[in-house]
């Protein structure tokens, strides 16, 4: 198995959720929800992608909440 870290792709402005969000923000009133003064979490979830070297099948593990994650080649 080859292990790598999942990284979110580029957001599309034409996606349904993006269009809906832009529509709700439009006009008077601005933000559709209050901006947070400080973030609640101090860590991010790291999702690992395991790729089979034989059949190239990819499996994603459930995210682990961790402060610092480092992949080391053995």
C-alpha atoms as a PDB file:
ATOM      1  CA  UNK A   1       0.000   0.000   0.000  1.00  0.00           C
ATOM      2  CA  UNK A   2       1.097   3.501  -0.817  1.00  0.00           C
ATOM      3  CA  UNK A   3      -0.125   6.110   1.693  1.00  0.00           C
ATOM      4  CA  UNK A   4      -0.760   9.783   0.982  1.00  0.00           C
ATOM      5  CA  UNK A   5      -2.668  12.648   2.594  1.00  0.00           C
ATOM      6  CA  UNK A   6      -5.991  13.769   1.082  1.00  0.00           C
ATOM      7  CA  UNK A   7      -6.068  17.349  -0.136  1.00  0.00           C
ATOM      8  CA  UNK A   8      -9.300  19.060  -1.187  1.00  0.00           C
ATOM      9  CA  UNK A   9      -9.461  20.093  -4.834  1.00  0.00           C
ATOM     10  CA  UNK A  10     -10.116  23.520  -6.300  1.00  0.00           C
ATOM     11  CA  UNK A  11     -13.603  24.849  -5.476  1.00  0.00           C
ATOM     12  CA  UNK A  12     -15.876  25.459  -8.453  1.00  0.00           C
ATOM     13  CA  UNK A  13     -17.955  28.621  -8.473  1.00  0.00           C
ATOM     14  CA  UNK A  14     -20.507  26.897 -10.696  1.00  0.00           C
ATOM     15  CA  UNK A  15     -21.267  24.173  -8.098  1.00  0.00           C
ATOM     16  CA  UNK A  16     -24.809  24.186  -6.688  1.00  0.00           C
ATOM     17  CA  UNK A  17     -23.708  24.879  -3.108  1.00  0.00           C
ATOM     18  CA  UNK A  18     -21.443  27.756  -4.151  1.00  0.00           C
ATOM     19  CA  UNK A  19     -24.253  29.352  -6.186  1.00  0.00           C
ATOM     20  CA  UNK A  20     -26.709  28.974  -3.296  1.00  0.00           C
ATOM     21  CA  UNK A  21     -24.242  30.499  -0.840  1.00  0.00           C
ATOM     22  CA  UNK A  22     -23.562  33.460  -3.169  1.00  0.00           C
ATOM     23  CA  UNK A  23     -27.304  34.030  -3.635  1.00  0.00           C
ATOM     24  CA  UNK A  24     -27.933  34.128   0.118  1.00  0.00           C
ATOM     25  CA  UNK A  25     -25.018  36.525   0.659  1.00  0.00           C
ATOM     26  CA  UNK A  26     -26.178  38.869  -2.123  1.00  0.00           C
ATOM     27  CA  UNK A  27     -27.886  42.193  -1.370  1.00  0.00           C
ATOM     28  CA  UNK A  28     -28.330  43.816   2.028  1.00  0.00           C
ATOM     29  CA  UNK A  29     -27.492  41.779   5.108  1.00  0.00           C
ATOM     30  CA  UNK A  30     -24.201  40.356   3.799  1.00  0.00           C
ATOM     31  CA  UNK A  31     -23.104  37.183   5.540  1.00  0.00           C
ATOM     32  CA  UNK A  32     -25.795  34.486   5.857  1.00  0.00           C
ATOM     33  CA  UNK A  33     -24.292  33.306   9.149  1.00  0.00           C
ATOM     34  CA  UNK A  34     -22.182  35.180  11.729  1.00  0.00           C
ATOM     35  CA  UNK A  35     -18.433  35.100  11.230  1.00  0.00           C
ATOM     36  CA  UNK A  36     -16.732  33.320  14.131  1.00  0.00           C
ATOM     37  CA  UNK A  37     -14.547  35.516  16.324  1.00  0.00           C
ATOM     38  CA  UNK A  38     -12.197  32.610  17.028  1.00  0.00           C
ATOM     39  CA  UNK A  39     -12.088  29.072  15.670  1.00  0.00           C
ATOM     40  CA  UNK A  40     -13.331  26.400  18.072  1.00  0.00           C
ATOM     41  CA  UNK A  41     -10.879  23.681  17.065  1.00  0.00           C
ATOM     42  CA  UNK A  42      -7.095  23.810  17.354  1.00  0.00           C
ATOM     43  CA  UNK A  43      -6.510  20.800  15.090  1.00  0.00           C
ATOM     44  CA  UNK A  44      -7.603  19.648  11.637  1.00  0.00           C
ATOM     45  CA  UNK A  45      -8.655  16.187  10.591  1.00  0.00           C
ATOM     46  CA  UNK A  46      -6.119  14.366   8.417  1.00  0.00           C
ATOM     47  CA  UNK A  47      -7.598  11.882   5.929  1.00  0.00           C
ATOM     48  CA  UNK A  48      -5.256   9.196   4.601  1.00  0.00           C
ATOM     49  CA  UNK A  49      -5.560   7.694   1.116  1.00  0.00           C
ATOM     50  CA  UNK A  50      -4.196   4.182   0.737  1.00  0.00           C
ATOM     51  CA  UNK A  51      -3.475   3.151  -2.851  1.00  0.00           C
ATOM     52  CA  UNK A  52      -2.914  -0.494  -3.751  1.00  0.00           C
ATOM     53  CA  UNK A  53       0.317  -0.822  -5.744  1.00  0.00           C
ATOM     54  CA  UNK A  54      -1.040  -3.817  -7.705  1.00  0.00           C
ATOM     55  CA  UNK A  55      -4.600  -2.865  -8.752  1.00  0.00           C
ATOM     56  CA  UNK A  56      -4.394   0.929  -8.047  1.00  0.00           C
ATOM     57  CA  UNK A  57      -7.565   0.796  -5.932  1.00  0.00           C
ATOM     58  CA  UNK A  58      -7.848   3.704  -3.510  1.00  0.00           C
ATOM     59  CA  UNK A  59      -9.284   3.544   0.009  1.00  0.00           C
ATOM     60  CA  UNK A  60      -9.828   6.514   2.285  1.00  0.00           C
ATOM     61  CA  UNK A  61      -9.463   6.186   6.050  1.00  0.00           C
ATOM     62  CA  UNK A  62     -11.650   8.062   8.496  1.00  0.00           C
ATOM     63  CA  UNK A  63     -10.077  11.416   9.462  1.00  0.00           C
ATOM     64  CA  UNK A  64      -7.805  11.483  12.490  1.00  0.00           C
ATOM     65  CA  UNK A  65      -7.772  14.716  14.496  1.00  0.00           C
ATOM     66  CA  UNK A  66      -4.091  15.465  14.973  1.00  0.00           C
ATOM     67  CA  UNK A  67      -1.971  18.580  15.400  1.00  0.00           C
ATOM     68  CA  UNK A  68       1.008  17.574  13.263  1.00  0.00           C
ATOM     69  CA  UNK A  69       1.140  14.643  10.846  1.00  0.00           C
ATOM     70  CA  UNK A  70       4.288  13.552   9.039  1.00  0.00           C
ATOM     71  CA  UNK A  71       4.651  10.825   6.413  1.00  0.00           C
ATOM     72  CA  UNK A  72       8.053   9.156   6.557  1.00  0.00           C
ATOM     73  CA  UNK A  73       9.352   6.913   3.745  1.00  0.00           C
ATOM     74  CA  UNK A  74      10.744   3.634   5.027  1.00  0.00           C
END
